[in-house]
């Protein structure tokens, strides 16, 4: 029961924010916007202060840059 009841924050953000925004299926620019928006919301979840909003923007931006540079794919 508890395994099905419990949902992690990352799974909730993925299923109810990132994917409904379009995920990574609407091109690289839209993917970057979706990542930053999702992480801004994650920052707000952790606390209602500018510190947490900046944390979300920093991490979302870093993920977007990592994807744009192709560093998210394994080499081989």
Protein backbone atom coordinates (compact mmCIF):
# COMPACT_ATOMS: atom_id res chain seq x y z
CA UNK A 1 0.00 0.00 0.00
CA UNK A 2 2.63 2.56 1.01
CA UNK A 3 4.78 1.84 -2.01
CA UNK A 4 1.92 2.75 -4.34
CA UNK A 5 0.73 5.62 -2.15
CA UNK A 6 4.09 7.33 -1.86
CA UNK A 7 5.30 9.38 -4.80
CA UNK A 8 8.59 11.18 -4.79
CA UNK A 9 8.86 14.86 -5.61
CA UNK A 10 10.95 14.14 -8.70
CA UNK A 11 8.40 11.65 -10.04
CA UNK A 12 5.56 14.10 -9.38
CA UNK A 13 7.39 16.94 -11.11
CA UNK A 14 8.18 14.70 -14.07
CA UNK A 15 4.64 13.33 -14.43
CA UNK A 16 2.61 16.44 -13.65
CA UNK A 17 4.84 19.35 -14.73
CA UNK A 18 7.64 18.42 -17.15
CA UNK A 19 5.72 15.98 -19.36
CA UNK A 20 2.54 18.11 -19.62
CA UNK A 21 4.71 21.07 -20.65
CA UNK A 22 5.93 18.95 -23.54
CA UNK A 23 8.98 17.31 -22.00
CA UNK A 24 11.71 16.95 -24.60
CA UNK A 25 9.42 16.39 -27.58
CA UNK A 26 9.10 19.96 -28.81
CA UNK A 27 12.66 20.77 -29.73
CA UNK A 28 15.78 21.79 -27.85
CA UNK A 29 14.70 25.33 -26.98
CA UNK A 30 11.38 24.20 -25.53
CA UNK A 31 13.13 21.40 -23.63
CA UNK A 32 15.37 24.00 -21.98
CA UNK A 33 12.36 26.12 -21.01
CA UNK A 34 10.60 23.05 -19.61
CA UNK A 35 13.63 22.07 -17.53
CA UNK A 36 14.06 25.54 -16.07
CA UNK A 37 10.34 25.89 -15.31
CA UNK A 38 10.24 22.49 -13.62
CA UNK A 39 13.25 23.27 -11.46
CA UNK A 40 11.91 26.71 -10.55
CA UNK A 41 8.83 24.95 -9.22
CA UNK A 42 11.05 22.47 -7.36
CA UNK A 43 12.84 25.42 -5.78
CA UNK A 44 9.55 26.94 -4.68
CA UNK A 45 8.53 23.58 -3.22
CA UNK A 46 11.58 23.59 -0.97
CA UNK A 47 10.86 27.05 0.39
CA UNK A 48 9.18 30.31 -0.44
CA UNK A 49 12.27 32.49 -0.57
CA UNK A 50 14.40 33.86 -3.37
CA UNK A 51 17.24 31.61 -2.28
CA UNK A 52 15.27 28.52 -3.31
CA UNK A 53 14.02 30.11 -6.53
CA UNK A 54 17.64 30.91 -7.43
CA UNK A 55 18.59 27.30 -6.59
CA UNK A 56 15.91 26.05 -8.97
CA UNK A 57 16.95 28.45 -11.72
CA UNK A 58 20.61 27.47 -11.31
CA UNK A 59 19.95 23.75 -11.49
CA UNK A 60 17.45 24.01 -14.33
CA UNK A 61 19.82 26.22 -16.30
CA UNK A 62 22.72 23.84 -15.66
CA UNK A 63 20.67 20.89 -16.91
CA UNK A 64 19.62 22.83 -20.01
CA UNK A 65 23.24 23.77 -20.76
CA UNK A 66 24.36 20.19 -20.18
CA UNK A 67 21.78 18.96 -22.69
CA UNK A 68 22.65 21.66 -25.22
CA UNK A 69 26.33 20.72 -25.02
CA UNK A 70 25.50 17.01 -25.44
CA UNK A 71 27.07 16.07 -22.11
CA UNK A 72 23.97 14.20 -20.95
CA UNK A 73 24.53 11.34 -23.42
CA UNK A 74 26.96 8.55 -22.61
CA UNK A 75 29.95 8.38 -24.90
CA UNK A 76 30.62 5.23 -26.76
